[in-house]
Every structure is written in structure tokens, then in C-alpha cells.
């Protein structure tokens, strides 16, 4: 499953959506080098059993999602919107 990663304005939360725009949860930076995965919506079933632990970077958390879902996480910068 491919997931789009969209940063929020505060820079501490990244929303996760599938390619159809459905919510998949979020990754939250709770403190320096502490990124936690919070599956939600359509990802609750897809990410059953994923390790929610604090990861040392956003990339490490995304790599864990990719490995678990056998998909790709794509960063969305917002620059491709009209």
C-alpha cells in the first residue's frame, strides 16, 4: 500500500493518507528524535502489529511503515497543487 506523507503547519505532525486521500493516521514528533506512529482510519487493519515505538527520525518511522505494509511512503510538499 502506498501512503502519502503530508506535513502539518507546525512541523511536528505528518498526516498519512492513501493514494485516494483517505486518512491512514499520523506520525508525531513527541520530542527530539522521538517519532511515534499513530495508525487511524483505513490503516487500523493494514497496520495491525506495527511497532508504534518512538523512532529516532521521521525517515526511520516511514521505513517501518514501508516494511510493514510492503508499500512506499511519498512526501507531499504541496507544490504540485494548482
Protein backbone atom coordinates (compact mmCIF):
# COMPACT_ATOMS: atom_id res chain seq x y z
CA UNK A 1 0.00 0.00 0.00
CA UNK A 2 1.39 3.39 -0.96
CA UNK A 3 1.00 6.23 1.52
CA UNK A 4 1.29 9.97 1.05
CA UNK A 5 3.01 11.85 3.89
CA UNK A 6 1.77 15.42 4.37
CA UNK A 7 3.45 17.72 6.91
CA UNK A 8 1.25 19.98 9.04
CA UNK A 9 1.99 23.66 9.59
CA UNK A 10 3.61 23.13 12.99
CA UNK A 11 6.24 20.74 11.62
CA UNK A 12 5.65 18.24 14.43
CA UNK A 13 2.93 16.11 12.81
CA UNK A 14 2.77 14.37 9.43
CA UNK A 15 -0.61 13.15 8.23
CA UNK A 16 -0.73 9.86 6.37
CA UNK A 17 -3.23 9.24 3.55
CA UNK A 18 -3.63 6.54 0.95
CA UNK A 19 -3.45 7.44 -2.74
CA UNK A 20 -7.20 8.12 -2.75
CA UNK A 21 -6.81 10.70 0.03
CA UNK A 22 -8.33 8.55 2.78
CA UNK A 23 -6.85 9.08 6.27
CA UNK A 24 -4.32 6.48 7.40
CA UNK A 25 -3.16 8.12 10.63
CA UNK A 26 -0.20 10.31 11.50
CA UNK A 27 3.36 10.40 12.72
CA UNK A 28 4.02 12.71 15.66
CA UNK A 29 7.34 14.11 16.85
CA UNK A 30 6.85 13.97 20.61
CA UNK A 31 10.35 15.26 21.40
CA UNK A 32 13.77 15.44 19.77
CA UNK A 33 14.43 12.15 17.95
CA UNK A 34 11.14 10.67 19.16
CA UNK A 35 8.73 9.97 16.27
CA UNK A 36 5.67 7.84 17.00
CA UNK A 37 3.31 6.16 14.50
CA UNK A 38 -0.44 6.53 15.15
CA UNK A 39 -2.46 4.45 12.65
CA UNK A 40 -6.06 5.55 12.14
CA UNK A 41 -8.92 5.18 9.71
CA UNK A 42 -8.19 2.73 6.91
CA UNK A 43 -4.77 1.92 8.39
CA UNK A 44 -6.07 0.35 11.59
CA UNK A 45 -6.37 -3.01 9.87
CA UNK A 46 -3.42 -2.53 7.50
CA UNK A 47 -1.00 -1.62 10.28
CA UNK A 48 -2.10 -4.18 12.87
CA UNK A 49 1.03 -5.30 14.67
CA UNK A 50 3.26 -2.40 13.57
CA UNK A 51 5.71 -1.20 16.19
CA UNK A 52 4.49 2.22 17.41
CA UNK A 53 7.66 2.83 19.42
CA UNK A 54 9.47 6.11 19.23
CA UNK A 55 11.76 6.13 16.18
CA UNK A 56 14.88 8.28 16.01
CA UNK A 57 13.80 10.05 12.82
CA UNK A 58 10.85 10.59 10.52
CA UNK A 59 12.63 8.52 7.88
CA UNK A 60 13.00 5.60 10.31
CA UNK A 61 9.27 5.70 11.09
CA UNK A 62 8.43 5.84 7.38
CA UNK A 63 10.78 2.93 6.69
CA UNK A 64 8.97 0.89 9.35
CA UNK A 65 5.62 1.66 7.67
CA UNK A 66 7.00 0.74 4.25
CA UNK A 67 8.39 -2.54 5.54
CA UNK A 68 5.17 -3.43 7.37
CA UNK A 69 2.81 -2.51 4.50
CA UNK A 70 5.17 -3.53 1.67
CA UNK A 71 4.46 -0.17 0.09
CA UNK A 72 6.03 3.24 -0.46
CA UNK A 73 5.66 6.44 1.57
CA UNK A 74 5.72 9.51 -0.66
CA UNK A 75 6.34 13.02 0.70
CA UNK A 76 3.79 15.59 -0.44
CA UNK A 77 5.19 19.11 -0.49
CA UNK A 78 2.04 20.86 -1.71
CA UNK A 79 3.94 22.39 -4.62
CA UNK A 80 2.13 20.23 -7.17
CA UNK A 81 -1.26 21.71 -6.30
CA UNK A 82 -2.80 24.31 -8.61
